[in-house]
Amino acid sequence: MKTRDSSFSKLESFSRLFLAQLVLFFLLLINLVPLPVPVLGSLNPAFVLMGVYYWAVYRPTLLPPLLCFGAGLLMDILSGGPLGINALVFVAVQWIVRSQRRFLMGQPYLVMWFIFAPVALGAGLTQWFLAGLSVMRWSAPLPGLIDALAGFFLFPFISLLLIAVHRALPGGAKTMV
């Protein structure tokens, strides 16, 4: 009977850990649909980037570089963009943010949110530059900057989802800031 409870507990822990990747996949899907906004036309905030950033700080083992690469590659394939750009950007963001994890873990949420702004801006500019480099023609960077700004303002809402998932994970309540 005890091994059955232990097996169930392991299965429950695994399924909860899988939930983080499932949420990242959900963010990837909504990232593929531009948000219609009056006057501006449409926005495409980097929802996946928000997930990569959040998990790189709070649960980096749930989102290893290979998974970031795979998510970016899948996003490139599904969006029809040049292959490898999102993969490279997601891995770079995960690596950079993870290297600053100790600092970020000790910060209040507001600081964490404001640090997301240069991360989103840097990621957006890198994507813009690499996409232009792939065809040797650069479009105006303003739409990408507006998308980064929209991502900054939407980050608190997406992070509510990520925080809820984090708390559902094994040991999630005690690893929160």
Protein backbone atom coordinates (compact mmCIF):
# COMPACT_ATOMS: atom_id res chain seq x y z
CA MET A 1 0.00 0.00 0.00
CA LYS A 2 2.85 2.35 0.83
CA THR A 3 4.51 1.88 -2.58
CA ARG A 4 1.21 2.69 -4.25
CA ASP A 5 0.96 5.97 -2.30
CA SER A 6 4.59 6.68 -3.14
CA SER A 7 3.99 6.00 -6.84
CA PHE A 8 0.94 8.24 -6.83
CA SER A 9 2.92 10.97 -5.10
CA LYS A 10 5.69 10.72 -7.72
CA LEU A 11 3.13 10.83 -10.53
CA GLU A 12 1.46 13.85 -8.98
CA SER A 13 4.82 15.64 -8.60
CA PHE A 14 5.73 14.87 -12.22
CA SER A 15 2.36 16.08 -13.51
CA ARG A 16 2.69 19.30 -11.53
CA LEU A 17 6.16 19.89 -12.95
CA PHE A 18 4.80 19.23 -16.43
CA LEU A 19 2.26 21.99 -15.78
CA ALA A 20 5.00 24.64 -16.11
CA GLN A 21 5.89 23.42 -19.61
CA LEU A 22 2.21 23.22 -20.51
CA VAL A 23 1.76 26.86 -19.51
CA LEU A 24 4.78 27.81 -21.62
CA PHE A 25 3.19 26.02 -24.59
CA PHE A 26 -0.07 27.90 -23.93
CA LEU A 27 1.89 31.18 -23.92
CA LEU A 28 3.47 30.13 -27.21
CA LEU A 29 0.05 29.59 -28.76
CA ILE A 30 -1.34 32.95 -27.65
CA ASN A 31 1.93 34.56 -28.78
CA LEU A 32 1.10 33.48 -32.34
CA VAL A 33 -2.15 35.46 -32.40
CA PRO A 34 -1.71 39.23 -32.73
CA LEU A 35 -3.87 41.24 -30.35
CA PRO A 36 -6.10 43.68 -32.23
CA VAL A 37 -5.75 47.19 -30.80
CA PRO A 38 -7.68 50.18 -32.12
CA VAL A 39 -5.44 52.88 -33.64
CA LEU A 40 -2.29 50.71 -33.45
CA GLY A 41 -3.60 47.84 -35.54
CA SER A 42 -2.26 44.82 -33.71
CA LEU A 43 0.20 44.02 -30.96
CA ASN A 44 2.32 40.95 -30.54
CA PRO A 45 3.75 41.06 -27.01
CA ALA A 46 6.34 38.41 -26.18
CA PHE A 47 4.29 36.12 -23.95
CA VAL A 48 6.78 33.25 -24.23
CA LEU A 49 9.59 35.59 -23.24
CA MET A 50 7.63 36.40 -20.08
CA GLY A 51 7.51 32.72 -19.22
CA VAL A 52 11.20 32.21 -19.98
CA TYR A 53 12.09 35.20 -17.81
CA TYR A 54 9.88 34.13 -14.90
CA TRP A 55 10.97 30.49 -14.87
CA ALA A 56 14.65 31.44 -15.27
CA VAL A 57 14.36 33.32 -11.98
CA TYR A 58 12.09 31.12 -9.89
CA ARG A 59 12.45 27.60 -11.27
CA PRO A 60 15.35 27.42 -13.76
CA THR A 61 15.43 23.62 -13.66
CA LEU A 62 11.92 23.49 -15.15
CA LEU A 63 13.08 25.35 -18.23
CA PRO A 64 16.51 24.12 -19.32
CA PRO A 65 18.20 25.74 -22.33
CA LEU A 66 17.21 22.83 -24.57
CA LEU A 67 13.53 23.40 -23.79
CA CYS A 68 13.94 27.16 -24.43
CA PHE A 69 15.58 26.32 -27.74
CA GLY A 70 12.76 23.93 -28.65
CA ALA A 71 10.07 26.46 -27.73
CA GLY A 72 11.80 29.12 -29.82
CA LEU A 73 12.24 26.79 -32.77
CA LEU A 74 8.58 25.74 -32.59
CA MET A 75 7.57 29.38 -32.45
CA ASP A 76 9.72 30.15 -35.50
CA ILE A 77 8.16 27.24 -37.41
CA LEU A 78 4.57 28.09 -36.46
CA SER A 79 4.97 31.82 -37.09
CA GLY A 80 6.76 31.38 -40.40
CA GLY A 81 9.69 33.48 -39.23
CA PRO A 82 13.36 32.79 -39.92
CA LEU A 83 14.38 29.58 -38.17
CA GLY A 84 16.46 29.93 -35.06
CA ILE A 85 15.87 33.56 -34.13
CA ASN A 86 13.43 32.96 -31.28
CA ALA A 87 15.39 29.88 -30.25
CA LEU A 88 18.57 31.92 -29.94
CA VAL A 89 16.86 34.78 -28.13
CA PHE A 90 15.06 32.52 -25.63
CA VAL A 91 18.24 30.61 -24.81
CA ALA A 92 20.20 33.86 -24.43
CA VAL A 93 17.54 35.39 -22.17
CA GLN A 94 17.34 32.23 -20.09
CA TRP A 95 21.12 32.14 -19.71
CA ILE A 96 21.48 35.86 -18.86
CA VAL A 97 18.56 35.94 -16.42
CA ARG A 98 19.64 32.69 -14.81
CA SER A 99 23.11 34.15 -14.25
CA GLN A 100 21.45 37.01 -12.33
CA ARG A 101 19.07 34.76 -10.45
CA ARG A 102 20.60 35.32 -7.02
CA PHE A 103 20.13 39.06 -7.35
CA LEU A 104 16.61 38.79 -8.78
CA MET A 105 15.38 36.29 -6.18
CA GLY A 106 16.02 38.81 -3.41
CA GLN A 107 14.17 41.64 -5.10
CA PRO A 108 10.57 42.72 -4.59
CA TYR A 109 8.17 42.00 -7.40
CA LEU A 110 8.19 45.61 -8.62
CA VAL A 111 11.95 45.46 -9.25
CA MET A 112 11.57 42.12 -11.01
CA TRP A 113 8.87 43.65 -13.20
CA PHE A 114 10.95 46.71 -14.07
CA ILE A 115 13.97 44.58 -14.91
CA PHE A 116 11.78 42.78 -17.41
CA ALA A 117 11.60 46.03 -19.45
CA PRO A 118 15.23 46.02 -20.65
CA VAL A 119 15.07 42.25 -21.12
CA ALA A 120 12.02 42.58 -23.38
CA LEU A 121 13.54 45.54 -25.20
CA GLY A 122 16.85 43.75 -25.73
CA ALA A 123 15.11 40.59 -26.91
CA GLY A 124 12.88 42.55 -29.29
CA LEU A 125 15.77 44.51 -30.77
CA THR A 126 17.81 41.33 -31.16
CA GLN A 127 14.93 39.62 -32.95
CA TRP A 128 14.45 42.67 -35.19
CA PHE A 129 18.16 42.80 -36.04
CA LEU A 130 18.49 39.07 -36.72
CA ALA A 131 15.30 39.00 -38.83
CA GLY A 132 16.65 41.91 -40.87
CA LEU A 133 20.02 40.24 -41.16
CA SER A 134 18.42 37.07 -42.48
CA VAL A 135 17.02 38.94 -45.50
CA MET A 136 19.49 41.86 -45.47
CA ARG A 137 16.61 44.32 -45.17
CA TRP A 138 15.45 45.91 -41.94
CA SER A 139 11.95 47.14 -41.30
CA ALA A 140 11.20 50.06 -38.99
CA PRO A 141 11.92 49.03 -35.37
CA LEU A 142 8.95 50.98 -33.94
CA PRO A 143 6.42 48.08 -34.07
CA GLY A 144 8.86 45.88 -32.17
CA LEU A 145 9.42 48.60 -29.58
CA ILE A 146 5.67 48.99 -29.12
CA ASP A 147 5.35 45.20 -28.72
CA ALA A 148 8.10 45.27 -26.06
CA LEU A 149 6.30 48.09 -24.24
CA ALA A 150 3.02 46.17 -24.42
CA GLY A 151 4.81 43.13 -23.02
CA PHE A 152 6.10 45.21 -20.14
CA PHE A 153 2.59 46.34 -19.25
CA LEU A 154 1.09 42.86 -19.69
CA PHE A 155 3.80 41.12 -17.64
CA PRO A 156 1.98 41.57 -14.28
CA PHE A 157 -1.11 39.83 -15.68
CA ILE A 158 0.83 36.93 -17.18
CA SER A 159 2.93 36.64 -14.04
CA LEU A 160 -0.28 36.11 -12.02
CA LEU A 161 -0.81 32.94 -14.04
CA LEU A 162 2.85 31.95 -13.63
CA ILE A 163 2.75 32.59 -9.88
CA ALA A 164 -0.38 30.43 -9.54
CA VAL A 165 1.32 27.61 -11.45
CA HIS A 166 4.48 28.06 -9.39
CA ARG A 167 2.55 27.73 -6.15
CA ALA A 168 0.92 24.52 -7.44
CA LEU A 169 4.34 22.98 -8.06
CA PRO A 170 5.99 20.78 -5.46
CA GLY A 171 7.81 23.11 -3.05
CA GLY A 172 6.40 26.13 -4.87
CA ALA A 173 5.10 28.02 -1.86
CA LYS A 174 8.47 28.00 -0.11
CA THR A 175 10.51 29.07 -3.16
CA MET A 176 8.44 32.18 -3.83
CA VAL A 177 9.88 35.59 -3.04
